[in-house]
Amino acid sequence: MAMTLLAVIVTLVSSNPVTLLLLGDLTGNYTYPFLIVARYINLADFFTHLESLFGYLGVGCICKNMCYLLCDGYGRRSVDEPAIGFLLLLMSIWVAPNLQELTHALSTSIFLSALMVLVCIPAELLVVAWIRRRWEKKNMQD
């Protein structure tokens, strides 16, 4: 699983500069610019139309997010009882029920969303782990 995750990360990180170099300023105009880049790939007139191959990268991103969700659920299972997946589903529908509203939400509040996902949630999990570890040590000493 770690090798798959590493392969997906390397592919996605290397695809961003290629997309920017090929499409330039037009990159922001496309919904899925990486699929536009995949149409240009032509290796020896044999490997063409590789969009489906790059679709698997999207599946890899979904698997990566599922791993994050699973780790988040394990970290929170003693803190709050509601199913994390159900809460994420409700929040995702609430924030962006369609692509236009998702684009608007990302353009206006990406900083707050990134702050929440990249700082607040990991900090909360760190504090919970620290409290749990101290609680277990205290119970073992008694």
N, C-alpha and C. Protein backbone atom coordinates (compact mmCIF):
# COMPACT_ATOMS: atom_id res chain seq x y z
N MET A 1 0.82 -1.18 0.00
CA MET A 1 0.00 0.00 0.00
C MET A 1 0.86 1.25 0.00
N ALA A 2 1.98 1.21 0.73
CA ALA A 2 2.87 2.37 0.77
C ALA A 2 3.49 2.63 -0.60
N MET A 3 3.81 1.60 -1.32
CA MET A 3 4.39 1.78 -2.66
C MET A 3 3.35 2.38 -3.62
N THR A 4 2.12 1.95 -3.49
CA THR A 4 1.06 2.51 -4.32
C THR A 4 0.86 3.98 -4.02
N LEU A 5 0.83 4.29 -2.73
CA LEU A 5 0.67 5.69 -2.32
C LEU A 5 1.84 6.52 -2.82
N LEU A 6 3.05 6.00 -2.72
CA LEU A 6 4.23 6.72 -3.21
C LEU A 6 4.16 6.91 -4.72
N ALA A 7 3.73 5.90 -5.46
CA ALA A 7 3.62 6.01 -6.91
C ALA A 7 2.59 7.06 -7.30
N VAL A 8 1.46 7.11 -6.60
CA VAL A 8 0.44 8.11 -6.90
C VAL A 8 0.97 9.50 -6.60
N ILE A 9 1.66 9.67 -5.49
CA ILE A 9 2.19 10.98 -5.12
C ILE A 9 3.22 11.45 -6.14
N VAL A 10 4.14 10.57 -6.54
CA VAL A 10 5.16 10.95 -7.52
C VAL A 10 4.52 11.32 -8.85
N THR A 11 3.54 10.56 -9.27
CA THR A 11 2.87 10.84 -10.54
C THR A 11 2.13 12.17 -10.49
N LEU A 12 1.42 12.42 -9.41
CA LEU A 12 0.67 13.68 -9.31
C LEU A 12 1.60 14.88 -9.20
N VAL A 13 2.68 14.74 -8.44
CA VAL A 13 3.62 15.85 -8.31
C VAL A 13 4.33 16.13 -9.62
N SER A 14 4.67 15.10 -10.37
CA SER A 14 5.34 15.31 -11.65
C SER A 14 4.37 15.78 -12.73
N SER A 15 3.09 15.50 -12.59
CA SER A 15 2.13 15.90 -13.62
C SER A 15 1.78 17.39 -13.55
N ASN A 16 1.86 17.99 -12.38
CA ASN A 16 1.52 19.40 -12.27
C ASN A 16 2.43 20.30 -13.09
N PRO A 17 3.77 20.17 -13.02
CA PRO A 17 4.61 21.01 -13.87
C PRO A 17 4.39 20.75 -15.36
N VAL A 18 4.17 19.50 -15.73
CA VAL A 18 3.92 19.19 -17.14
C VAL A 18 2.65 19.89 -17.61
N THR A 19 1.62 19.85 -16.80
CA THR A 19 0.36 20.50 -17.16
C THR A 19 0.55 22.00 -17.29
N LEU A 20 1.25 22.59 -16.36
CA LEU A 20 1.49 24.04 -16.42
C LEU A 20 2.36 24.42 -17.60
N LEU A 21 3.37 23.61 -17.91
CA LEU A 21 4.23 23.93 -19.03
C LEU A 21 3.52 23.75 -20.37
N LEU A 22 2.64 22.77 -20.48
CA LEU A 22 1.96 22.52 -21.75
C LEU A 22 0.82 23.50 -21.99
N LEU A 23 0.00 23.75 -20.98
CA LEU A 23 -1.19 24.59 -21.17
C LEU A 23 -0.96 26.04 -20.80
N GLY A 24 -0.02 26.32 -19.93
CA GLY A 24 0.30 27.70 -19.56
C GLY A 24 -0.86 28.37 -18.84
N ASP A 25 -1.20 29.57 -19.30
CA ASP A 25 -2.26 30.35 -18.66
C ASP A 25 -3.65 29.74 -18.84
N LEU A 26 -3.80 28.84 -19.78
CA LEU A 26 -5.11 28.22 -20.02
C LEU A 26 -5.43 27.12 -19.00
N THR A 27 -4.48 26.76 -18.17
CA THR A 27 -4.70 25.68 -17.22
C THR A 27 -5.90 25.95 -16.33
N GLY A 28 -6.06 27.17 -15.87
CA GLY A 28 -7.17 27.51 -14.98
C GLY A 28 -8.52 27.49 -15.65
N ASN A 29 -8.56 27.49 -16.98
CA ASN A 29 -9.84 27.51 -17.69
C ASN A 29 -10.48 26.12 -17.82
N TYR A 30 -9.70 25.08 -17.62
CA TYR A 30 -10.21 23.72 -17.76
C TYR A 30 -10.59 23.15 -16.40
N THR A 31 -11.64 22.34 -16.40
CA THR A 31 -12.04 21.68 -15.16
C THR A 31 -11.06 20.58 -14.80
N TYR A 32 -10.65 19.78 -15.77
CA TYR A 32 -9.68 18.72 -15.57
C TYR A 32 -8.53 18.90 -16.55
N PRO A 33 -7.60 19.80 -16.26
CA PRO A 33 -6.53 20.07 -17.24
C PRO A 33 -5.61 18.89 -17.47
N PHE A 34 -5.46 18.01 -16.49
CA PHE A 34 -4.56 16.87 -16.67
C PHE A 34 -5.09 15.92 -17.74
N LEU A 35 -6.40 15.80 -17.88
CA LEU A 35 -6.95 14.95 -18.94
C LEU A 35 -6.74 15.58 -20.32
N ILE A 36 -6.69 16.90 -20.39
CA ILE A 36 -6.37 17.57 -21.66
C ILE A 36 -4.92 17.25 -22.04
N VAL A 37 -4.03 17.27 -21.05
CA VAL A 37 -2.63 16.94 -21.29
C VAL A 37 -2.50 15.48 -21.74
N ALA A 38 -3.29 14.59 -21.17
CA ALA A 38 -3.21 13.17 -21.53
C ALA A 38 -3.58 12.95 -22.98
N ARG A 39 -4.38 13.81 -23.55
CA ARG A 39 -4.74 13.67 -24.97
C ARG A 39 -3.55 13.94 -25.89
N TYR A 40 -2.60 14.75 -25.42
CA TYR A 40 -1.45 15.09 -26.24
C TYR A 40 -0.37 14.00 -26.23
N ILE A 41 -0.47 13.05 -25.35
CA ILE A 41 0.57 12.01 -25.26
C ILE A 41 0.46 11.09 -26.46
N ASN A 42 1.59 10.94 -27.13
CA ASN A 42 1.66 10.08 -28.30
C ASN A 42 3.07 9.50 -28.34
N LEU A 43 3.21 8.26 -27.94
CA LEU A 43 4.50 7.61 -27.92
C LEU A 43 4.59 6.59 -29.06
N ALA A 44 5.39 6.91 -30.05
CA ALA A 44 5.65 6.01 -31.19
C ALA A 44 4.37 5.62 -31.92
N ASP A 45 3.40 6.50 -31.97
CA ASP A 45 2.11 6.25 -32.61
C ASP A 45 1.45 4.96 -32.14
N PHE A 46 1.83 4.50 -30.97
CA PHE A 46 1.26 3.28 -30.42
C PHE A 46 0.52 3.57 -29.12
N PHE A 47 1.14 4.28 -28.21
CA PHE A 47 0.49 4.65 -26.95
C PHE A 47 -0.20 5.99 -27.13
N THR A 48 -1.47 5.93 -27.41
CA THR A 48 -2.26 7.15 -27.56
C THR A 48 -3.54 7.00 -26.73
N HIS A 49 -4.22 8.10 -26.52
CA HIS A 49 -5.49 8.12 -25.78
C HIS A 49 -5.34 7.44 -24.41
N LEU A 50 -4.49 8.00 -23.61
CA LEU A 50 -4.20 7.43 -22.29
C LEU A 50 -5.05 8.04 -21.19
N GLU A 51 -6.19 8.61 -21.54
CA GLU A 51 -7.04 9.24 -20.53
C GLU A 51 -7.51 8.24 -19.49
N SER A 52 -7.81 7.02 -19.92
CA SER A 52 -8.28 6.02 -18.96
C SER A 52 -7.19 5.63 -17.98
N LEU A 53 -5.95 5.60 -18.45
CA LEU A 53 -4.84 5.32 -17.55
C LEU A 53 -4.72 6.40 -16.48
N PHE A 54 -4.87 7.64 -16.89
CA PHE A 54 -4.79 8.73 -15.94
C PHE A 54 -6.04 8.81 -15.06
N GLY A 55 -7.10 8.18 -15.50
CA GLY A 55 -8.28 8.08 -14.64
C GLY A 55 -7.99 7.23 -13.41
N TYR A 56 -7.10 6.26 -13.57
CA TYR A 56 -6.70 5.45 -12.42
C TYR A 56 -5.99 6.29 -11.37
N LEU A 57 -5.34 7.35 -11.79
CA LEU A 57 -4.72 8.24 -10.82
C LEU A 57 -5.78 8.89 -9.93
N GLY A 58 -6.91 9.21 -10.53
CA GLY A 58 -8.02 9.73 -9.73
C GLY A 58 -8.50 8.71 -8.72
N VAL A 59 -8.55 7.45 -9.14
CA VAL A 59 -8.92 6.38 -8.20
C VAL A 59 -7.88 6.29 -7.09
N GLY A 60 -6.61 6.48 -7.44
CA GLY A 60 -5.56 6.49 -6.43
C GLY A 60 -5.74 7.61 -5.43
N CYS A 61 -6.16 8.77 -5.92
CA CYS A 61 -6.43 9.89 -5.00
C CYS A 61 -7.59 9.57 -4.08
N ILE A 62 -8.59 8.91 -4.61
CA ILE A 62 -9.73 8.52 -3.77
C ILE A 62 -9.27 7.53 -2.71
N CYS A 63 -8.42 6.58 -3.10
CA CYS A 63 -7.90 5.61 -2.11
C CYS A 63 -7.07 6.32 -1.04
N LYS A 64 -6.28 7.32 -1.45
CA LYS A 64 -5.49 8.06 -0.49
C LYS A 64 -6.40 8.79 0.49
N ASN A 65 -7.46 9.40 -0.01
CA ASN A 65 -8.40 10.09 0.88
C ASN A 65 -9.12 9.11 1.80
N MET A 66 -9.39 7.90 1.30
CA MET A 66 -10.01 6.90 2.16
C MET A 66 -9.07 6.49 3.28
N CYS A 67 -7.77 6.41 2.99
CA CYS A 67 -6.80 6.10 4.05
C CYS A 67 -6.78 7.22 5.09
N TYR A 68 -6.83 8.47 4.64
CA TYR A 68 -6.88 9.59 5.58
C TYR A 68 -8.13 9.51 6.44
N LEU A 69 -9.24 9.18 5.82
CA LEU A 69 -10.50 9.06 6.55
C LEU A 69 -10.44 7.94 7.57
N LEU A 70 -9.84 6.81 7.19
CA LEU A 70 -9.71 5.69 8.10
C LEU A 70 -8.83 6.06 9.30
N CYS A 71 -7.72 6.71 9.05
CA CYS A 71 -6.83 7.14 10.14
C CYS A 71 -7.54 8.16 11.03
N ASP A 72 -8.28 9.05 10.43
CA ASP A 72 -9.04 10.03 11.20
C ASP A 72 -10.08 9.35 12.08
N GLY A 73 -10.74 8.36 11.54
CA GLY A 73 -11.74 7.63 12.32
C GLY A 73 -11.12 6.87 13.48
N TYR A 74 -9.95 6.25 13.25
CA TYR A 74 -9.26 5.56 14.34
C TYR A 74 -8.81 6.54 15.42
N GLY A 75 -8.37 7.71 14.99
CA GLY A 75 -7.91 8.69 15.96
C GLY A 75 -9.02 9.29 16.79
N ARG A 76 -10.19 9.37 16.23
CA ARG A 76 -11.31 10.01 16.92
C ARG A 76 -12.29 9.05 17.57
N ARG A 77 -12.12 7.78 17.42
CA ARG A 77 -13.17 6.86 17.83
C ARG A 77 -13.50 6.93 19.31
N SER A 78 -12.55 7.32 20.14
CA SER A 78 -12.87 7.44 21.56
C SER A 78 -13.33 8.83 21.93
N VAL A 79 -13.20 9.78 21.01
CA VAL A 79 -13.54 11.17 21.32
C VAL A 79 -15.00 11.46 21.00
N ASP A 80 -15.39 11.19 19.78
CA ASP A 80 -16.77 11.45 19.40
C ASP A 80 -17.34 10.23 18.69
N GLU A 81 -18.56 9.93 19.02
CA GLU A 81 -19.18 8.69 18.56
C GLU A 81 -19.73 8.71 17.14
N PRO A 82 -20.23 9.84 16.60
CA PRO A 82 -20.83 9.77 15.27
C PRO A 82 -19.84 9.30 14.21
N ALA A 83 -20.35 8.64 13.22
CA ALA A 83 -19.51 8.14 12.15
C ALA A 83 -18.91 9.31 11.38
N ILE A 84 -17.59 9.30 11.24
CA ILE A 84 -16.89 10.39 10.58
C ILE A 84 -17.28 10.47 9.11
N GLY A 85 -17.42 9.33 8.46
CA GLY A 85 -17.80 9.32 7.05
C GLY A 85 -19.15 9.97 6.82
N PHE A 86 -20.11 9.71 7.70
CA PHE A 86 -21.43 10.32 7.57
C PHE A 86 -21.34 11.83 7.74
N LEU A 87 -20.55 12.28 8.71
CA LEU A 87 -20.38 13.71 8.92
C LEU A 87 -19.69 14.37 7.73
N LEU A 88 -18.67 13.70 7.16
CA LEU A 88 -18.00 14.25 5.98
C LEU A 88 -18.94 14.33 4.78
N LEU A 89 -19.79 13.34 4.63
CA LEU A 89 -20.77 13.36 3.55
C LEU A 89 -21.71 14.54 3.70
N LEU A 90 -22.22 14.73 4.90
CA LEU A 90 -23.11 15.87 5.14
C LEU A 90 -22.41 17.20 4.90
N MET A 91 -21.18 17.31 5.37
CA MET A 91 -20.44 18.56 5.19
C MET A 91 -20.14 18.81 3.72
N SER A 92 -19.80 17.76 2.97
CA SER A 92 -19.48 17.97 1.56
C SER A 92 -20.71 18.41 0.77
N ILE A 93 -21.87 17.86 1.08
CA ILE A 93 -23.09 18.28 0.40
C ILE A 93 -23.46 19.70 0.82
N TRP A 94 -23.21 20.03 2.08
CA TRP A 94 -23.54 21.35 2.58
C TRP A 94 -22.65 22.42 1.95
N VAL A 95 -21.36 22.12 1.80
CA VAL A 95 -20.42 23.12 1.25
C VAL A 95 -20.60 23.27 -0.25
N ALA A 96 -20.70 22.16 -0.97
CA ALA A 96 -20.71 22.25 -2.43
C ALA A 96 -21.61 21.18 -3.03
N PRO A 97 -22.88 21.48 -3.25
CA PRO A 97 -23.76 20.49 -3.86
C PRO A 97 -23.52 20.28 -5.35
N ASN A 98 -22.81 21.21 -6.02
CA ASN A 98 -22.49 21.03 -7.44
C ASN A 98 -21.13 21.66 -7.74
N LEU A 99 -20.65 21.50 -8.97
CA LEU A 99 -19.30 21.93 -9.33
C LEU A 99 -19.15 23.45 -9.28
N GLN A 100 -20.18 24.19 -9.68
CA GLN A 100 -20.08 25.64 -9.67
C GLN A 100 -19.93 26.18 -8.24
N GLU A 101 -20.69 25.63 -7.33
CA GLU A 101 -20.58 26.08 -5.95
C GLU A 101 -19.28 25.62 -5.32
N LEU A 102 -18.76 24.46 -5.73
CA LEU A 102 -17.46 24.01 -5.25
C LEU A 102 -16.37 24.97 -5.71
N THR A 103 -16.41 25.38 -6.98
CA THR A 103 -15.44 26.32 -7.50
C THR A 103 -15.51 27.64 -6.75
N HIS A 104 -16.71 28.12 -6.49
CA HIS A 104 -16.88 29.37 -5.75
C HIS A 104 -16.37 29.23 -4.32
N ALA A 105 -16.69 28.11 -3.68
CA ALA A 105 -16.24 27.89 -2.30
C ALA A 105 -14.72 27.81 -2.22
N LEU A 106 -14.10 27.14 -3.19
CA LEU A 106 -12.64 27.03 -3.19
C LEU A 106 -11.97 28.37 -3.47
N SER A 107 -12.59 29.18 -4.31
CA SER A 107 -11.97 30.47 -4.63
C SER A 107 -12.13 31.49 -3.51
N THR A 108 -13.14 31.31 -2.66
CA THR A 108 -13.37 32.31 -1.61
C THR A 108 -12.88 31.88 -0.24
N SER A 109 -12.92 30.59 0.05
CA SER A 109 -12.60 30.18 1.42
C SER A 109 -11.59 29.04 1.49
N ILE A 110 -10.69 28.96 0.53
CA ILE A 110 -9.73 27.86 0.53
C ILE A 110 -8.77 27.99 1.70
N PHE A 111 -8.44 29.21 2.12
CA PHE A 111 -7.52 29.38 3.22
C PHE A 111 -8.09 28.79 4.51
N LEU A 112 -9.35 29.07 4.78
CA LEU A 112 -9.98 28.54 6.00
C LEU A 112 -10.11 27.02 5.94
N SER A 113 -10.44 26.50 4.78
CA SER A 113 -10.56 25.05 4.63
C SER A 113 -9.21 24.37 4.80
N ALA A 114 -8.18 24.94 4.18
CA ALA A 114 -6.85 24.36 4.30
C ALA A 114 -6.35 24.46 5.73
N LEU A 115 -6.64 25.56 6.38
CA LEU A 115 -6.23 25.71 7.78
C LEU A 115 -6.90 24.65 8.64
N MET A 116 -8.16 24.40 8.39
CA MET A 116 -8.89 23.40 9.17
C MET A 116 -8.34 22.00 8.93
N VAL A 117 -8.16 21.64 7.66
CA VAL A 117 -7.76 20.28 7.32
C VAL A 117 -6.28 20.03 7.61
N LEU A 118 -5.44 21.01 7.35
CA LEU A 118 -4.00 20.79 7.47
C LEU A 118 -3.41 21.17 8.82
N VAL A 119 -4.15 21.96 9.63
CA VAL A 119 -3.60 22.38 10.92
C VAL A 119 -4.50 21.96 12.08
N CYS A 120 -5.76 22.34 12.03
CA CYS A 120 -6.64 22.13 13.19
C CYS A 120 -6.91 20.65 13.47
N ILE A 121 -7.28 19.89 12.46
CA ILE A 121 -7.60 18.48 12.67
C ILE A 121 -6.36 17.69 13.11
N PRO A 122 -5.19 17.85 12.46
CA PRO A 122 -4.01 17.14 12.98
C PRO A 122 -3.62 17.58 14.39
N ALA A 123 -3.78 18.87 14.70
CA ALA A 123 -3.48 19.34 16.05
C ALA A 123 -4.43 18.72 17.06
N GLU A 124 -5.70 18.62 16.69
CA GLU A 124 -6.68 17.98 17.58
C GLU A 124 -6.32 16.52 17.83
N LEU A 125 -5.94 15.81 16.77
CA LEU A 125 -5.55 14.41 16.93
C LEU A 125 -4.29 14.27 17.78
N LEU A 126 -3.36 15.20 17.62
CA LEU A 126 -2.14 15.17 18.44
C LEU A 126 -2.47 15.38 19.91
N VAL A 127 -3.35 16.33 20.20
CA VAL A 127 -3.73 16.59 21.59
C VAL A 127 -4.47 15.39 22.17
N VAL A 128 -5.35 14.78 21.40
CA VAL A 128 -6.08 13.61 21.88
C VAL A 128 -5.11 12.46 22.18
N ALA A 129 -4.14 12.25 21.29
CA ALA A 129 -3.15 11.18 21.52
C ALA A 129 -2.31 11.49 22.76
N TRP A 130 -1.94 12.74 22.95
CA TRP A 130 -1.14 13.13 24.10
C TRP A 130 -1.92 12.92 25.40
N ILE A 131 -3.20 13.33 25.41
CA ILE A 131 -4.05 13.15 26.60
C ILE A 131 -4.26 11.67 26.87
N ARG A 132 -4.52 10.89 25.82
CA ARG A 132 -4.73 9.45 25.99
C ARG A 132 -3.48 8.78 26.56
N ARG A 133 -2.31 9.15 26.05
CA ARG A 133 -1.08 8.56 26.54
C ARG A 133 -0.85 8.92 28.02
N ARG A 134 -1.09 10.16 28.39
CA ARG A 134 -0.93 10.55 29.80
C ARG A 134 -1.95 9.85 30.69
N TRP A 135 -3.17 9.68 30.18
CA TRP A 135 -4.22 9.00 30.93
C TRP A 135 -3.84 7.54 31.17
N GLU A 136 -3.33 6.88 30.12
CA GLU A 136 -2.93 5.48 30.26
C GLU A 136 -1.76 5.33 31.22
N LYS A 137 -0.78 6.25 31.17
CA LYS A 137 0.35 6.19 32.10
C LYS A 137 -0.12 6.40 33.54
N LYS A 138 -1.07 7.31 33.71
CA LYS A 138 -1.58 7.59 35.06
C LYS A 138 -2.32 6.37 35.60
N ASN A 139 -3.12 5.72 34.76
CA ASN A 139 -3.85 4.52 35.18
C ASN A 139 -2.91 3.36 35.46
N MET A 140 -1.81 3.26 34.75
CA MET A 140 -0.85 2.18 34.98
C MET A 140 -0.09 2.39 36.29
N GLN A 141 0.12 3.64 36.67
CA GLN A 141 0.84 3.91 37.90
C GLN A 141 -0.04 3.68 39.13
N ASP A 142 -1.33 3.85 38.98
CA ASP A 142 -2.25 3.69 40.12
C ASP A 142 -2.49 2.26 40.45
